[in-house]
Amino acid sequence: MKNLFKHNKPIIACIHLMALPGSPLYAGNMTAIYDKALEELDIFKHSGVDGIIIENFRDKPFYPDKVPAETIAAMAGIGREIVKQTNMPVGINILRNDAEGALAIATAIEAHFIRVTSHLATVVSEQGLIYGTSYKTLRLRKALDSQVFIFADVDVKHTVPLAPLGLDINTQALCQHGLVDAVIVSGKATGIEVNYKDLEIVKQNSSVPVFIGSGVTPDNINKISDLADGFIIGSYFKQQGKANNAVEASRVINLITVRNSKVI
């Protein structure tokens, strides 16, 4: 994990895929989905980001757990093309919480990590109750002899914990019982800045790297970089900073420049 990224405070850019086959907003054209994903990859490659994470971001409303075969197939196909066309680490996130599917894809396409919404805890979300399935995910990784890393959210955005044990206890549990390789802390929703006190608590209680999973901008990255080991960025890189818009190269370059202006 220590040598996964070249920069010691890596920026991971989100490729929010267009709606995939089977989802309500699918437009009936897989070629367009491939083309758009590779277009965004090209922007990120030339802008200096340190990693990529692929998400079925527009497949709303999301399944709370396992997604159907057509989603797995589409993400695997697109993901393999992305892995082949970059030497950056690539991650998979299947929304809302299909960690086993993400791990299987990542292993098959030779990606490097997955993001898991709820690895241990049970949370209340728009999709209803979401149950952590770490016991399945970790056993599958062992069975596949997979080297894929697991990045897991603590008290993930757009949810509330069913049992509010606190960020300190939940972070410790992810590290000690969930055997995660990195912890992700975010704001309350997509694009919302993380609460600095929350970040302090997670950092103090984590034995693994801590990534910030929402709300990173040029205005706050150097402030929060003292407590963060990396950043996952989606919304800021889009036109007008809105998650559903297209990626804008100038915004990517701007944030990378600000990050690089501080020795971190």
C-alpha atoms as a PDB file:
ATOM      1  CA  MET A   1       0.000   0.000   0.000  1.00  0.00           C
ATOM      2  CA  LYS A   2       2.829   2.384   0.877  1.00  0.00           C
ATOM      3  CA  ASN A   3       4.242   2.265  -2.654  1.00  0.00           C
ATOM      4  CA  LEU A   4       0.931   2.270  -4.531  1.00  0.00           C
ATOM      5  CA  PHE A   5       1.004   5.970  -5.424  1.00  0.00           C
ATOM      6  CA  LYS A   6       3.960   8.052  -6.578  1.00  0.00           C
ATOM      7  CA  HIS A   7       2.944  11.166  -4.622  1.00  0.00           C
ATOM      8  CA  ASN A   8       2.884  11.018  -0.833  1.00  0.00           C
ATOM      9  CA  LYS A   9      -0.474  12.861  -0.825  1.00  0.00           C
ATOM     10  CA  PRO A  10      -2.134  11.329  -3.896  1.00  0.00           C
ATOM     11  CA  ILE A  11      -5.123  12.762  -5.695  1.00  0.00           C
ATOM     12  CA  ILE A  12      -7.500  10.106  -7.032  1.00  0.00           C
ATOM     13  CA  ALA A  13      -9.901  11.366  -9.710  1.00  0.00           C
ATOM     14  CA  CYS A  14     -13.377   9.886 -10.147  1.00  0.00           C
ATOM     15  CA  ILE A  15     -14.579   8.711 -13.534  1.00  0.00           C
ATOM     16  CA  HIS A  16     -18.332   8.883 -13.065  1.00  0.00           C
ATOM     17  CA  LEU A  17     -19.592   6.559 -15.782  1.00  0.00           C
ATOM     18  CA  MET A  18     -22.628   7.396 -17.848  1.00  0.00           C
ATOM     19  CA  ALA A  19     -25.669   5.308 -16.953  1.00  0.00           C
ATOM     20  CA  LEU A  20     -24.985   1.637 -17.626  1.00  0.00           C
ATOM     21  CA  PRO A  21     -27.217  -1.022 -19.263  1.00  0.00           C
ATOM     22  CA  GLY A  22     -30.206  -1.937 -17.126  1.00  0.00           C
ATOM     23  CA  SER A  23     -30.334   1.344 -15.217  1.00  0.00           C
ATOM     24  CA  PRO A  24     -33.241   3.766 -15.783  1.00  0.00           C
ATOM     25  CA  LEU A  25     -31.114   6.473 -17.430  1.00  0.00           C
ATOM     26  CA  TYR A  26     -29.201   4.181 -19.810  1.00  0.00           C
ATOM     27  CA  ALA A  27     -29.231   5.777 -23.281  1.00  0.00           C
ATOM     28  CA  GLY A  28     -28.774   2.550 -25.229  1.00  0.00           C
ATOM     29  CA  ASN A  29     -25.250   3.223 -26.496  1.00  0.00           C
ATOM     30  CA  MET A  30     -22.307   1.399 -24.885  1.00  0.00           C
ATOM     31  CA  THR A  31     -19.825   2.925 -27.332  1.00  0.00           C
ATOM     32  CA  ALA A  32     -20.679   6.383 -26.008  1.00  0.00           C
ATOM     33  CA  ILE A  33     -20.022   5.194 -22.447  1.00  0.00           C
ATOM     34  CA  TYR A  34     -16.601   3.822 -23.402  1.00  0.00           C
ATOM     35  CA  ASP A  35     -15.731   6.962 -25.329  1.00  0.00           C
ATOM     36  CA  LYS A  36     -16.720   9.327 -22.523  1.00  0.00           C
ATOM     37  CA  ALA A  37     -14.813   7.349 -19.884  1.00  0.00           C
ATOM     38  CA  LEU A  38     -11.660   7.289 -22.018  1.00  0.00           C
ATOM     39  CA  GLU A  39     -12.033  10.996 -22.819  1.00  0.00           C
ATOM     40  CA  GLU A  40     -12.074  11.797 -19.103  1.00  0.00           C
ATOM     41  CA  LEU A  41      -9.166   9.422 -18.494  1.00  0.00           C
ATOM     42  CA  ASP A  42      -7.147  11.335 -21.086  1.00  0.00           C
ATOM     43  CA  ILE A  43      -7.832  14.627 -19.278  1.00  0.00           C
ATOM     44  CA  PHE A  44      -6.749  13.156 -15.960  1.00  0.00           C
ATOM     45  CA  LYS A  45      -3.622  11.554 -17.423  1.00  0.00           C
ATOM     46  CA  HIS A  46      -2.436  14.861 -18.843  1.00  0.00           C
ATOM     47  CA  SER A  47      -3.378  16.899 -15.769  1.00  0.00           C
ATOM     48  CA  GLY A  48      -1.201  15.082 -13.258  1.00  0.00           C
ATOM     49  CA  VAL A  49      -3.598  13.162 -11.014  1.00  0.00           C
ATOM     50  CA  ASP A  50      -2.161  10.165  -9.181  1.00  0.00           C
ATOM     51  CA  GLY A  51      -4.933   7.593  -9.525  1.00  0.00           C
ATOM     52  CA  ILE A  52      -8.374   6.864 -10.968  1.00  0.00           C
ATOM     53  CA  ILE A  53     -11.515   5.392  -9.450  1.00  0.00           C
ATOM     54  CA  ILE A  54     -14.377   4.199 -11.653  1.00  0.00           C
ATOM     55  CA  GLU A  55     -17.950   4.482 -10.350  1.00  0.00           C
ATOM     56  CA  ASN A  56     -21.389   3.611 -11.712  1.00  0.00           C
ATOM     57  CA  PHE A  57     -22.356   7.078 -10.505  1.00  0.00           C
ATOM     58  CA  ARG A  58     -25.333   7.607 -12.811  1.00  0.00           C
ATOM     59  CA  ASP A  59     -27.050   4.247 -12.212  1.00  0.00           C
ATOM     60  CA  LYS A  60     -29.576   5.801  -9.846  1.00  0.00           C
ATOM     61  CA  PRO A  61     -31.556   4.688  -8.025  1.00  0.00           C
ATOM     62  CA  PHE A  62     -28.849   2.386  -6.673  1.00  0.00           C
ATOM     63  CA  TYR A  63     -29.183  -1.182  -5.513  1.00  0.00           C
ATOM     64  CA  PRO A  64     -28.391  -1.336  -1.769  1.00  0.00           C
ATOM     65  CA  ASP A  65     -26.093  -4.334  -2.226  1.00  0.00           C
ATOM     66  CA  LYS A  66     -25.442  -6.675  -5.163  1.00  0.00           C
ATOM     67  CA  VAL A  67     -25.851  -5.258  -8.660  1.00  0.00           C
ATOM     68  CA  PRO A  68     -27.002  -7.373 -11.641  1.00  0.00           C
ATOM     69  CA  ALA A  69     -24.747  -9.164 -14.109  1.00  0.00           C
ATOM     70  CA  GLU A  70     -25.093  -6.477 -16.779  1.00  0.00           C
ATOM     71  CA  THR A  71     -23.594  -3.857 -14.448  1.00  0.00           C
ATOM     72  CA  ILE A  72     -20.670  -6.120 -13.557  1.00  0.00           C
ATOM     73  CA  ALA A  73     -20.043  -6.849 -17.237  1.00  0.00           C
ATOM     74  CA  ALA A  74     -20.142  -3.196 -18.284  1.00  0.00           C
ATOM     75  CA  MET A  75     -17.862  -2.019 -15.498  1.00  0.00           C
ATOM     76  CA  ALA A  76     -15.392  -4.825 -16.137  1.00  0.00           C
ATOM     77  CA  GLY A  77     -15.230  -4.003 -19.841  1.00  0.00           C
ATOM     78  CA  ILE A  78     -14.742  -0.282 -19.320  1.00  0.00           C
ATOM     79  CA  GLY A  79     -12.407  -0.822 -16.401  1.00  0.00           C
ATOM     80  CA  ARG A  80     -10.100  -3.087 -18.380  1.00  0.00           C
ATOM     81  CA  GLU A  81      -9.776  -0.463 -21.122  1.00  0.00           C
ATOM     82  CA  ILE A  82      -8.849   2.128 -18.521  1.00  0.00           C
ATOM     83  CA  VAL A  83      -6.272  -0.133 -16.869  1.00  0.00           C
ATOM     84  CA  LYS A  84      -4.685  -0.828 -20.264  1.00  0.00           C
ATOM     85  CA  GLN A  85      -4.425   2.863 -21.126  1.00  0.00           C
ATOM     86  CA  THR A  86      -2.829   4.188 -17.940  1.00  0.00           C
ATOM     87  CA  ASN A  87       0.002   3.313 -15.600  1.00  0.00           C
ATOM     88  CA  MET A  88      -1.768   4.967 -12.671  1.00  0.00           C
ATOM     89  CA  PRO A  89      -3.430   2.908  -9.930  1.00  0.00           C
ATOM     90  CA  VAL A  90      -7.092   2.218 -10.774  1.00  0.00           C
ATOM     91  CA  GLY A  91      -9.921   1.570  -8.337  1.00  0.00           C
ATOM     92  CA  ILE A  92     -13.487   0.263  -8.601  1.00  0.00           C
ATOM     93  CA  ASN A  93     -16.514   1.463  -6.639  1.00  0.00           C
ATOM     94  CA  ILE A  94     -19.864  -0.224  -7.260  1.00  0.00           C
ATOM     95  CA  LEU A  95     -22.629   1.871  -5.767  1.00  0.00           C
ATOM     96  CA  ARG A  96     -24.221   1.447  -3.451  1.00  0.00           C
ATOM     97  CA  ASN A  97     -22.328  -1.316  -1.664  1.00  0.00           C
ATOM     98  CA  ASP A  98     -21.403  -4.270  -3.878  1.00  0.00           C
ATOM     99  CA  ALA A  99     -17.939  -4.861  -2.464  1.00  0.00           C
ATOM    100  CA  GLU A 100     -17.736  -8.451  -3.684  1.00  0.00           C
ATOM    101  CA  GLY A 101     -18.598  -7.382  -7.231  1.00  0.00           C
ATOM    102  CA  ALA A 102     -16.042  -4.582  -7.103  1.00  0.00           C
ATOM    103  CA  LEU A 103     -13.369  -6.922  -5.774  1.00  0.00           C
ATOM    104  CA  ALA A 104     -14.090  -9.524  -8.466  1.00  0.00           C
ATOM    105  CA  ILE A 105     -13.871  -6.890 -11.209  1.00  0.00           C
ATOM    106  CA  ALA A 106     -10.714  -5.321  -9.800  1.00  0.00           C
ATOM    107  CA  THR A 107      -9.020  -8.702  -9.553  1.00  0.00           C
ATOM    108  CA  ALA A 108     -10.047  -9.761 -13.072  1.00  0.00           C
ATOM    109  CA  ILE A 109      -8.991  -6.525 -14.809  1.00  0.00           C
ATOM    110  CA  GLU A 110      -5.816  -6.064 -12.733  1.00  0.00           C
ATOM    111  CA  ALA A 111      -6.992  -2.914 -10.982  1.00  0.00           C
ATOM    112  CA  HIS A 112      -5.461  -1.949  -7.662  1.00  0.00           C
ATOM    113  CA  PHE A 113      -8.097  -1.074  -5.065  1.00  0.00           C
ATOM    114  CA  ILE A 114     -11.804  -0.866  -4.340  1.00  0.00           C
ATOM    115  CA  ARG A 115     -13.906   1.610  -2.392  1.00  0.00           C
ATOM    116  CA  VAL A 116     -16.524   0.167  -0.046  1.00  0.00           C
ATOM    117  CA  THR A 117     -19.384   2.313   1.245  1.00  0.00           C
ATOM    118  CA  SER A 118     -20.180   0.199   4.291  1.00  0.00           C
ATOM    119  CA  HIS A 119     -17.601  -2.441   5.111  1.00  0.00           C
ATOM    120  CA  LEU A 120     -18.550  -3.222   8.720  1.00  0.00           C
ATOM    121  CA  ALA A 121     -21.406  -1.086   9.985  1.00  0.00           C
ATOM    122  CA  THR A 122     -25.095  -1.097   9.145  1.00  0.00           C
ATOM    123  CA  VAL A 123     -26.311   2.295   7.952  1.00  0.00           C
ATOM    124  CA  VAL A 124     -29.622   3.889   7.020  1.00  0.00           C
ATOM    125  CA  SER A 125     -29.624   5.355   3.518  1.00  0.00           C
ATOM    126  CA  GLU A 126     -31.825   6.366   0.586  1.00  0.00           C
ATOM    127  CA  GLN A 127     -31.670   2.700  -0.404  1.00  0.00           C
ATOM    128  CA  GLY A 128     -32.850   1.524   3.008  1.00  0.00           C
ATOM    129  CA  LEU A 129     -30.606  -0.441   5.340  1.00  0.00           C
ATOM    130  CA  ILE A 130     -27.135  -1.196   4.001  1.00  0.00           C
ATOM    131  CA  TYR A 131     -25.267  -3.987   5.726  1.00  0.00           C
ATOM    132  CA  GLY A 132     -21.520  -4.296   5.984  1.00  0.00           C
ATOM    133  CA  THR A 133     -20.253  -7.530   4.415  1.00  0.00           C
ATOM    134  CA  SER A 134     -16.581  -7.443   5.361  1.00  0.00           C
ATOM    135  CA  TYR A 135     -16.702 -11.121   6.289  1.00  0.00           C
ATOM    136  CA  LYS A 136     -17.602 -11.983   2.688  1.00  0.00           C
ATOM    137  CA  THR A 137     -15.328  -9.458   0.988  1.00  0.00           C
ATOM    138  CA  LEU A 138     -12.199 -10.450   2.902  1.00  0.00           C
ATOM    139  CA  ARG A 139     -12.824 -14.159   2.416  1.00  0.00           C
ATOM    140  CA  LEU A 140     -13.364 -13.626  -1.296  1.00  0.00           C
ATOM    141  CA  ARG A 141     -10.092 -11.711  -1.516  1.00  0.00           C
ATOM    142  CA  LYS A 142      -8.353 -14.620   0.182  1.00  0.00           C
ATOM    143  CA  ALA A 143     -10.036 -17.204  -2.043  1.00  0.00           C
ATOM    144  CA  LEU A 144      -9.046 -15.304  -5.191  1.00  0.00           C
ATOM    145  CA  ASP A 145      -5.493 -14.787  -3.908  1.00  0.00           C
ATOM    146  CA  SER A 146      -6.134 -11.150  -4.800  1.00  0.00           C
ATOM    147  CA  GLN A 147      -3.734  -8.291  -4.123  1.00  0.00           C
ATOM    148  CA  VAL A 148      -6.483  -5.649  -4.421  1.00  0.00           C
ATOM    149  CA  PHE A 149      -6.536  -3.125  -1.571  1.00  0.00           C
ATOM    150  CA  ILE A 150      -9.730  -2.237   0.319  1.00  0.00           C
ATOM    151  CA  PHE A 151     -10.493   1.445   0.962  1.00  0.00           C
ATOM    152  CA  ALA A 152     -13.549   1.745   3.214  1.00  0.00           C
ATOM    153  CA  ASP A 153     -15.679   4.685   4.286  1.00  0.00           C
ATOM    154  CA  VAL A 154     -16.354   5.434   7.925  1.00  0.00           C
ATOM    155  CA  ASP A 155     -19.838   6.905   8.533  1.00  0.00           C
ATOM    156  CA  VAL A 156     -20.186   7.363   4.788  1.00  0.00           C
ATOM    157  CA  LYS A 157     -21.947  10.347   3.203  1.00  0.00           C
ATOM    158  CA  HIS A 158     -25.695  10.193   2.455  1.00  0.00           C
ATOM    159  CA  THR A 159     -26.231   7.848   5.420  1.00  0.00           C
ATOM    160  CA  VAL A 160     -26.604   7.736   9.180  1.00  0.00           C
ATOM    161  CA  PRO A 161     -25.306   4.816  11.264  1.00  0.00           C
ATOM    162  CA  LEU A 162     -27.929   2.484  12.677  1.00  0.00           C
ATOM    163  CA  ALA A 163     -25.843   2.148  15.840  1.00  0.00           C
ATOM    164  CA  PRO A 164     -24.131   5.541  16.433  1.00  0.00           C
ATOM    165  CA  LEU A 165     -20.995   4.296  18.189  1.00  0.00           C
ATOM    166  CA  GLY A 166     -18.945   7.326  17.163  1.00  0.00           C
ATOM    167  CA  LEU A 167     -16.262   8.019  14.585  1.00  0.00           C
ATOM    168  CA  ASP A 168     -13.498   6.954  16.962  1.00  0.00           C
ATOM    169  CA  ILE A 169     -14.936   3.487  17.619  1.00  0.00           C
ATOM    170  CA  ASN A 170     -16.005   2.947  14.012  1.00  0.00           C
ATOM    171  CA  THR A 171     -12.568   3.935  12.702  1.00  0.00           C
ATOM    172  CA  GLN A 172     -10.816   1.620  15.131  1.00  0.00           C
ATOM    173  CA  ALA A 173     -13.167  -1.199  14.150  1.00  0.00           C
ATOM    174  CA  LEU A 174     -12.465  -0.753  10.431  1.00  0.00           C
ATOM    175  CA  CYS A 175      -8.744  -1.036  11.073  1.00  0.00           C
ATOM    176  CA  GLN A 176      -8.743  -3.780  13.680  1.00  0.00           C
ATOM    177  CA  HIS A 177     -11.705  -5.956  12.655  1.00  0.00           C
ATOM    178  CA  GLY A 178     -12.329  -4.880   9.060  1.00  0.00           C
ATOM    179  CA  LEU A 179      -8.650  -5.239   8.071  1.00  0.00           C
ATOM    180  CA  VAL A 180      -8.929  -2.301   5.680  1.00  0.00           C
ATOM    181  CA  ASP A 181      -5.970  -0.820   3.825  1.00  0.00           C
ATOM    182  CA  ALA A 182      -7.254   2.779   3.980  1.00  0.00           C
ATOM    183  CA  VAL A 183     -10.083   4.680   5.676  1.00  0.00           C
ATOM    184  CA  ILE A 184     -12.162   7.293   3.834  1.00  0.00           C
ATOM    185  CA  VAL A 185     -13.847  10.190   5.623  1.00  0.00           C
ATOM    186  CA  SER A 186     -16.296  12.491   3.847  1.00  0.00           C
ATOM    187  CA  GLY A 187     -18.818  15.243   4.374  1.00  0.00           C
ATOM    188  CA  LYS A 188     -22.552  14.650   4.691  1.00  0.00           C
ATOM    189  CA  ALA A 189     -23.185  14.443   0.936  1.00  0.00           C
ATOM    190  CA  THR A 190     -21.482  14.453  -2.460  1.00  0.00           C
ATOM    191  CA  GLY A 191     -19.312  17.550  -2.841  1.00  0.00           C
ATOM    192  CA  ILE A 192     -19.719  18.619   0.803  1.00  0.00           C
ATOM    193  CA  GLU A 193     -16.523  19.530   2.657  1.00  0.00           C
ATOM    194  CA  VAL A 194     -15.424  17.192   5.426  1.00  0.00           C
ATOM    195  CA  ASN A 195     -15.810  18.446   8.974  1.00  0.00           C
ATOM    196  CA  TYR A 196     -12.304  19.230  10.223  1.00  0.00           C
ATOM    197  CA  LYS A 197     -13.046  17.854  13.695  1.00  0.00           C
ATOM    198  CA  ASP A 198     -14.313  14.618  12.156  1.00  0.00           C
ATOM    199  CA  LEU A 199     -11.101  14.374  10.169  1.00  0.00           C
ATOM    200  CA  GLU A 200      -9.053  14.842  13.348  1.00  0.00           C
ATOM    201  CA  ILE A 201     -10.955  12.059  15.105  1.00  0.00           C
ATOM    202  CA  VAL A 202     -10.540   9.626  12.206  1.00  0.00           C
ATOM    203  CA  LYS A 203      -6.835  10.403  11.846  1.00  0.00           C
ATOM    204  CA  GLN A 204      -6.215   9.929  15.559  1.00  0.00           C
ATOM    205  CA  ASN A 205      -7.940   6.539  15.568  1.00  0.00           C
ATOM    206  CA  SER A 206      -6.732   5.080  12.277  1.00  0.00           C
ATOM    207  CA  SER A 207      -3.725   2.778  11.918  1.00  0.00           C
ATOM    208  CA  VAL A 208      -3.914   2.990   8.102  1.00  0.00           C
ATOM    209  CA  PRO A 209      -3.841   5.904   5.622  1.00  0.00           C
ATOM    210  CA  VAL A 210      -6.800   8.311   5.753  1.00  0.00           C
ATOM    211  CA  PHE A 211      -8.291   9.622   2.507  1.00  0.00           C
ATOM    212  CA  ILE A 212     -10.797  12.451   2.174  1.00  0.00           C
ATOM    213  CA  GLY A 213     -13.728  11.382   0.026  1.00  0.00           C
ATOM    214  CA  SER A 214     -15.696  14.563  -0.656  1.00  0.00           C
ATOM    215  CA  GLY A 215     -15.573  18.340  -0.833  1.00  0.00           C
ATOM    216  CA  VAL A 216     -11.883  18.846  -1.668  1.00  0.00           C
ATOM    217  CA  THR A 217     -11.190  22.182  -3.430  1.00  0.00           C
ATOM    218  CA  PRO A 218      -8.170  24.453  -4.038  1.00  0.00           C
ATOM    219  CA  ASP A 219      -9.405  26.568  -1.117  1.00  0.00           C
ATOM    220  CA  ASN A 220      -9.180  23.812   1.475  1.00  0.00           C
ATOM    221  CA  ILE A 221      -6.749  21.160   0.221  1.00  0.00           C
ATOM    222  CA  ASN A 222      -3.665  22.608   1.885  1.00  0.00           C
ATOM    223  CA  LYS A 223      -5.462  23.088   5.196  1.00  0.00           C
ATOM    224  CA  ILE A 224      -6.733  19.535   5.372  1.00  0.00           C
ATOM    225  CA  SER A 225      -3.604  17.969   3.862  1.00  0.00           C
ATOM    226  CA  ASP A 226      -1.905  17.994   7.264  1.00  0.00           C
ATOM    227  CA  LEU A 227      -4.378  15.356   8.462  1.00  0.00           C
ATOM    228  CA  ALA A 228      -5.050  13.532   5.192  1.00  0.00           C
ATOM    229  CA  ASP A 229      -2.940  10.960   3.379  1.00  0.00           C
ATOM    230  CA  GLY A 230      -4.781  11.367   0.086  1.00  0.00           C
ATOM    231  CA  PHE A 231      -7.854  12.749  -1.663  1.00  0.00           C
ATOM    232  CA  ILE A 232     -10.655  11.270  -3.783  1.00  0.00           C
ATOM    233  CA  ILE A 233     -12.112  14.024  -5.950  1.00  0.00           C
ATOM    234  CA  GLY A 234     -15.165  14.015  -8.169  1.00  0.00           C
ATOM    235  CA  SER A 235     -17.328  17.130  -7.958  1.00  0.00           C
ATOM    236  CA  TYR A 236     -14.647  19.834  -8.027  1.00  0.00           C
ATOM    237  CA  PHE A 237     -13.200  18.496 -11.289  1.00  0.00           C
ATOM    238  CA  LYS A 238     -16.550  18.981 -13.065  1.00  0.00           C
ATOM    239  CA  GLN A 239     -17.848  22.110 -14.778  1.00  0.00           C
ATOM    240  CA  GLN A 240     -19.171  24.522 -12.121  1.00  0.00           C
ATOM    241  CA  GLY A 241     -18.119  21.989  -9.480  1.00  0.00           C
ATOM    242  CA  LYS A 242     -21.292  19.953  -9.997  1.00  0.00           C
ATOM    243  CA  ALA A 243     -20.959  16.166  -9.942  1.00  0.00           C
ATOM    244  CA  ASN A 244     -23.243  15.442 -12.903  1.00  0.00           C
ATOM    245  CA  ASN A 245     -21.418  17.805 -15.272  1.00  0.00           C
ATOM    246  CA  ALA A 246     -18.502  16.958 -17.561  1.00  0.00           C
ATOM    247  CA  VAL A 247     -14.884  17.040 -16.385  1.00  0.00           C
ATOM    248  CA  GLU A 248     -13.167  20.389 -16.981  1.00  0.00           C
ATOM    249  CA  ALA A 249      -9.398  20.159 -17.544  1.00  0.00           C
ATOM    250  CA  SER A 250      -8.636  23.636 -16.178  1.00  0.00           C
ATOM    251  CA  ARG A 251     -10.196  22.767 -12.817  1.00  0.00           C
ATOM    252  CA  VAL A 252      -8.130  19.578 -12.572  1.00  0.00           C
ATOM    253  CA  ILE A 253      -4.905  21.434 -13.382  1.00  0.00           C
ATOM    254  CA  ASN A 254      -5.788  24.211 -10.932  1.00  0.00           C
ATOM    255  CA  LEU A 255      -6.241  21.862  -7.996  1.00  0.00           C
ATOM    256  CA  ILE A 256      -3.116  19.848  -8.826  1.00  0.00           C
ATOM    257  CA  THR A 257      -1.126  23.091  -9.009  1.00  0.00           C
ATOM    258  CA  VAL A 258      -2.353  24.197  -5.597  1.00  0.00           C
ATOM    259  CA  ARG A 259      -1.558  20.784  -4.099  1.00  0.00           C
ATOM    260  CA  ASN A 260       1.929  20.866  -5.579  1.00  0.00           C
ATOM    261  CA  SER A 261       2.577  24.410  -4.356  1.00  0.00           C
ATOM    262  CA  LYS A 262       2.883  23.119  -0.805  1.00  0.00           C
ATOM    263  CA  VAL A 263       5.535  20.592   0.134  1.00  0.00           C
ATOM    264  CA  ILE A 264       3.331  17.816   1.477  1.00  0.00           C
END
